[in-house]
Amino acid sequence: MLETLTGLGLASAAGLNAYIPMLVLGLLDRFTGLVDLPGGWGWLGN
């Protein structure tokens, strides 16, 4: 049981480490002028 919970905890932390930078970039593109994403990445700011 402990191995399963450890695995789930590590997997969710790895997922957040991949998701949070993209979220921050999207928010910066949408609400500020600090980031200007190229055309192919425009969906990230929506």
PDB file of N, CA and C in Angstrom:
ATOM      1  N   MET A   1       0.826  -1.193   0.000  1.00  0.00           N
ATOM      2  CA  MET A   1       0.000   0.000   0.000  1.00  0.00           C
ATOM      3  C   MET A   1       0.875   1.264   0.000  1.00  0.00           C
ATOM      4  N   LEU A   2       1.913   1.250   0.794  1.00  0.00           N
ATOM      5  CA  LEU A   2       2.807   2.404   0.876  1.00  0.00           C
ATOM      6  C   LEU A   2       3.505   2.651  -0.461  1.00  0.00           C
ATOM      7  N   GLU A   3       3.855   1.574  -1.160  1.00  0.00           N
ATOM      8  CA  GLU A   3       4.501   1.716  -2.459  1.00  0.00           C
ATOM      9  C   GLU A   3       3.567   2.377  -3.466  1.00  0.00           C
ATOM     10  N   THR A   4       2.304   2.028  -3.424  1.00  0.00           N
ATOM     11  CA  THR A   4       1.315   2.615  -4.337  1.00  0.00           C
ATOM     12  C   THR A   4       1.140   4.097  -4.051  1.00  0.00           C
ATOM     13  N   LEU A   5       1.029   4.459  -2.798  1.00  0.00           N
ATOM     14  CA  LEU A   5       0.866   5.869  -2.442  1.00  0.00           C
ATOM     15  C   LEU A   5       2.113   6.676  -2.791  1.00  0.00           C
ATOM     16  N   THR A   6       3.280   6.086  -2.583  1.00  0.00           N
ATOM     17  CA  THR A   6       4.528   6.760  -2.956  1.00  0.00           C
ATOM     18  C   THR A   6       4.590   6.966  -4.460  1.00  0.00           C
ATOM     19  N   GLY A   7       4.232   5.943  -5.214  1.00  0.00           N
ATOM     20  CA  GLY A   7       4.218   6.051  -6.671  1.00  0.00           C
ATOM     21  C   GLY A   7       3.247   7.105  -7.160  1.00  0.00           C
ATOM     22  N   LEU A   8       2.069   7.151  -6.589  1.00  0.00           N
ATOM     23  CA  LEU A   8       1.077   8.163  -6.974  1.00  0.00           C
ATOM     24  C   LEU A   8       1.550   9.567  -6.620  1.00  0.00           C
ATOM     25  N   GLY A   9       2.169   9.707  -5.471  1.00  0.00           N
ATOM     26  CA  GLY A   9       2.681  11.016  -5.070  1.00  0.00           C
ATOM     27  C   GLY A   9       3.783  11.502  -5.987  1.00  0.00           C
ATOM     28  N   LEU A  10       4.704  10.628  -6.347  1.00  0.00           N
ATOM     29  CA  LEU A  10       5.794  11.005  -7.246  1.00  0.00           C
ATOM     30  C   LEU A  10       5.286  11.288  -8.650  1.00  0.00           C
ATOM     31  N   ALA A  11       4.327  10.521  -9.120  1.00  0.00           N
ATOM     32  CA  ALA A  11       3.776  10.742 -10.455  1.00  0.00           C
ATOM     33  C   ALA A  11       3.025  12.063 -10.532  1.00  0.00           C
ATOM     34  N   SER A  12       2.273  12.400  -9.501  1.00  0.00           N
ATOM     35  CA  SER A  12       1.548  13.675  -9.525  1.00  0.00           C
ATOM     36  C   SER A  12       2.510  14.852  -9.432  1.00  0.00           C
ATOM     37  N   ALA A  13       3.572  14.716  -8.673  1.00  0.00           N
ATOM     38  CA  ALA A  13       4.566  15.787  -8.590  1.00  0.00           C
ATOM     39  C   ALA A  13       5.265  15.979  -9.929  1.00  0.00           C
ATOM     40  N   ALA A  14       5.559  14.904 -10.619  1.00  0.00           N
ATOM     41  CA  ALA A  14       6.194  15.010 -11.941  1.00  0.00           C
ATOM     42  C   ALA A  14       5.238  15.659 -12.933  1.00  0.00           C
ATOM     43  N   GLY A  15       3.965  15.340 -12.850  1.00  0.00           N
ATOM     44  CA  GLY A  15       2.978  15.946 -13.738  1.00  0.00           C
ATOM     45  C   GLY A  15       2.843  17.439 -13.491  1.00  0.00           C
ATOM     46  N   LEU A  16       2.868  17.845 -12.237  1.00  0.00           N
ATOM     47  CA  LEU A  16       2.778  19.273 -11.918  1.00  0.00           C
ATOM     48  C   LEU A  16       4.015  20.020 -12.382  1.00  0.00           C
ATOM     49  N   ASN A  17       5.170  19.388 -12.289  1.00  0.00           N
ATOM     50  CA  ASN A  17       6.394  20.037 -12.750  1.00  0.00           C
ATOM     51  C   ASN A  17       6.358  20.283 -14.252  1.00  0.00           C
ATOM     52  N   ALA A  18       5.634  19.477 -14.996  1.00  0.00           N
ATOM     53  CA  ALA A  18       5.513  19.684 -16.438  1.00  0.00           C
ATOM     54  C   ALA A  18       4.403  20.676 -16.757  1.00  0.00           C
ATOM     55  N   TYR A  19       3.359  20.735 -15.949  1.00  0.00           N
ATOM     56  CA  TYR A  19       2.174  21.533 -16.252  1.00  0.00           C
ATOM     57  C   TYR A  19       2.311  22.986 -15.814  1.00  0.00           C
ATOM     58  N   ILE A  20       2.919  23.227 -14.683  1.00  0.00           N
ATOM     59  CA  ILE A  20       2.977  24.581 -14.113  1.00  0.00           C
ATOM     60  C   ILE A  20       3.724  25.569 -15.007  1.00  0.00           C
ATOM     61  N   PRO A  21       4.889  25.241 -15.579  1.00  0.00           N
ATOM     62  CA  PRO A  21       5.548  26.224 -16.458  1.00  0.00           C
ATOM     63  C   PRO A  21       4.713  26.599 -17.680  1.00  0.00           C
ATOM     64  N   MET A  22       3.995  25.632 -18.245  1.00  0.00           N
ATOM     65  CA  MET A  22       3.136  25.943 -19.392  1.00  0.00           C
ATOM     66  C   MET A  22       1.968  26.822 -18.969  1.00  0.00           C
ATOM     67  N   LEU A  23       1.417  26.587 -17.788  1.00  0.00           N
ATOM     68  CA  LEU A  23       0.349  27.425 -17.267  1.00  0.00           C
ATOM     69  C   LEU A  23       0.829  28.850 -17.063  1.00  0.00           C
ATOM     70  N   VAL A  24       2.009  29.002 -16.495  1.00  0.00           N
ATOM     71  CA  VAL A  24       2.573  30.335 -16.251  1.00  0.00           C
ATOM     72  C   VAL A  24       2.810  31.060 -17.572  1.00  0.00           C
ATOM     73  N   LEU A  25       3.357  30.362 -18.568  1.00  0.00           N
ATOM     74  CA  LEU A  25       3.572  30.988 -19.875  1.00  0.00           C
ATOM     75  C   LEU A  25       2.257  31.430 -20.505  1.00  0.00           C
ATOM     76  N   GLY A  26       1.249  30.588 -20.427  1.00  0.00           N
ATOM     77  CA  GLY A  26      -0.056  30.946 -20.975  1.00  0.00           C
ATOM     78  C   GLY A  26      -0.666  32.155 -20.286  1.00  0.00           C
ATOM     79  N   LEU A  27      -0.556  32.204 -18.977  1.00  0.00           N
ATOM     80  CA  LEU A  27      -1.097  33.342 -18.232  1.00  0.00           C
ATOM     81  C   LEU A  27      -0.328  34.630 -18.520  1.00  0.00           C
ATOM     82  N   LEU A  28       0.997  34.521 -18.626  1.00  0.00           N
ATOM     83  CA  LEU A  28       1.796  35.702 -18.943  1.00  0.00           C
ATOM     84  C   LEU A  28       1.484  36.220 -20.343  1.00  0.00           C
ATOM     85  N   ASP A  29       1.244  35.321 -21.282  1.00  0.00           N
ATOM     86  CA  ASP A  29       0.901  35.735 -22.637  1.00  0.00           C
ATOM     87  C   ASP A  29      -0.463  36.401 -22.676  1.00  0.00           C
ATOM     88  N   ARG A  30      -1.397  35.874 -21.923  1.00  0.00           N
ATOM     89  CA  ARG A  30      -2.770  36.380 -21.978  1.00  0.00           C
ATOM     90  C   ARG A  30      -2.945  37.703 -21.233  1.00  0.00           C
ATOM     91  N   PHE A  31      -2.338  37.839 -20.062  1.00  0.00           N
ATOM     92  CA  PHE A  31      -2.635  38.976 -19.199  1.00  0.00           C
ATOM     93  C   PHE A  31      -1.540  40.036 -19.133  1.00  0.00           C
ATOM     94  N   THR A  32      -0.365  39.755 -19.671  1.00  0.00           N
ATOM     95  CA  THR A  32       0.712  40.743 -19.634  1.00  0.00           C
ATOM     96  C   THR A  32       1.364  40.819 -21.008  1.00  0.00           C
ATOM     97  N   GLY A  33       2.257  41.735 -21.176  1.00  0.00           N
ATOM     98  CA  GLY A  33       3.011  41.844 -22.410  1.00  0.00           C
ATOM     99  C   GLY A  33       4.422  41.304 -22.272  1.00  0.00           C
ATOM    100  N   LEU A  34       4.681  40.561 -21.211  1.00  0.00           N
ATOM    101  CA  LEU A  34       6.027  40.048 -20.957  1.00  0.00           C
ATOM    102  C   LEU A  34       6.416  38.917 -21.901  1.00  0.00           C
ATOM    103  N   VAL A  35       5.436  38.142 -22.348  1.00  0.00           N
ATOM    104  CA  VAL A  35       5.703  36.986 -23.207  1.00  0.00           C
ATOM    105  C   VAL A  35       4.908  37.148 -24.493  1.00  0.00           C
ATOM    106  N   ASP A  36       5.577  36.921 -25.619  1.00  0.00           N
ATOM    107  CA  ASP A  36       4.901  36.947 -26.918  1.00  0.00           C
ATOM    108  C   ASP A  36       5.134  35.592 -27.574  1.00  0.00           C
ATOM    109  N   LEU A  37       4.127  34.717 -27.485  1.00  0.00           N
ATOM    110  CA  LEU A  37       4.263  33.371 -28.017  1.00  0.00           C
ATOM    111  C   LEU A  37       4.127  33.381 -29.549  1.00  0.00           C
ATOM    112  N   PRO A  38       4.877  32.523 -30.233  1.00  0.00           N
ATOM    113  CA  PRO A  38       4.735  32.442 -31.687  1.00  0.00           C
ATOM    114  C   PRO A  38       3.360  31.895 -32.079  1.00  0.00           C
ATOM    115  N   GLY A  39       3.027  32.010 -33.357  1.00  0.00           N
ATOM    116  CA  GLY A  39       1.700  31.634 -33.841  1.00  0.00           C
ATOM    117  C   GLY A  39       1.260  30.230 -33.517  1.00  0.00           C
ATOM    118  N   GLY A  40       2.175  29.266 -33.586  1.00  0.00           N
ATOM    119  CA  GLY A  40       1.815  27.883 -33.299  1.00  0.00           C
ATOM    120  C   GLY A  40       1.503  27.614 -31.841  1.00  0.00           C
ATOM    121  N   TRP A  41       1.915  28.520 -30.979  1.00  0.00           N
ATOM    122  CA  TRP A  41       1.681  28.349 -29.544  1.00  0.00           C
ATOM    123  C   TRP A  41       0.586  29.275 -29.031  1.00  0.00           C
ATOM    124  N   GLY A  42      -0.144  29.916 -29.920  1.00  0.00           N
ATOM    125  CA  GLY A  42      -1.193  30.846 -29.526  1.00  0.00           C
ATOM    126  C   GLY A  42      -2.296  30.216 -28.700  1.00  0.00           C
ATOM    127  N   TRP A  43      -2.539  28.928 -28.913  1.00  0.00           N
ATOM    128  CA  TRP A  43      -3.571  28.232 -28.153  1.00  0.00           C
ATOM    129  C   TRP A  43      -3.267  28.219 -26.663  1.00  0.00           C
ATOM    130  N   LEU A  44      -2.001  28.343 -26.314  1.00  0.00           N
ATOM    131  CA  LEU A  44      -1.614  28.280 -24.903  1.00  0.00           C
ATOM    132  C   LEU A  44      -2.131  29.487 -24.129  1.00  0.00           C
ATOM    133  N   GLY A  45      -2.313  30.612 -24.813  1.00  0.00           N
ATOM    134  CA  GLY A  45      -2.796  31.808 -24.139  1.00  0.00           C
ATOM    135  C   GLY A  45      -4.308  31.905 -24.044  1.00  0.00           C
ATOM    136  N   ASN A  46      -5.015  30.917 -24.602  1.00  0.00           N
ATOM    137  CA  ASN A  46      -6.496  30.955 -24.561  1.00  0.00           C
ATOM    138  C   ASN A  46      -7.040  30.315 -23.320  1.00  0.00           C
TER     139      ASN A  46
END
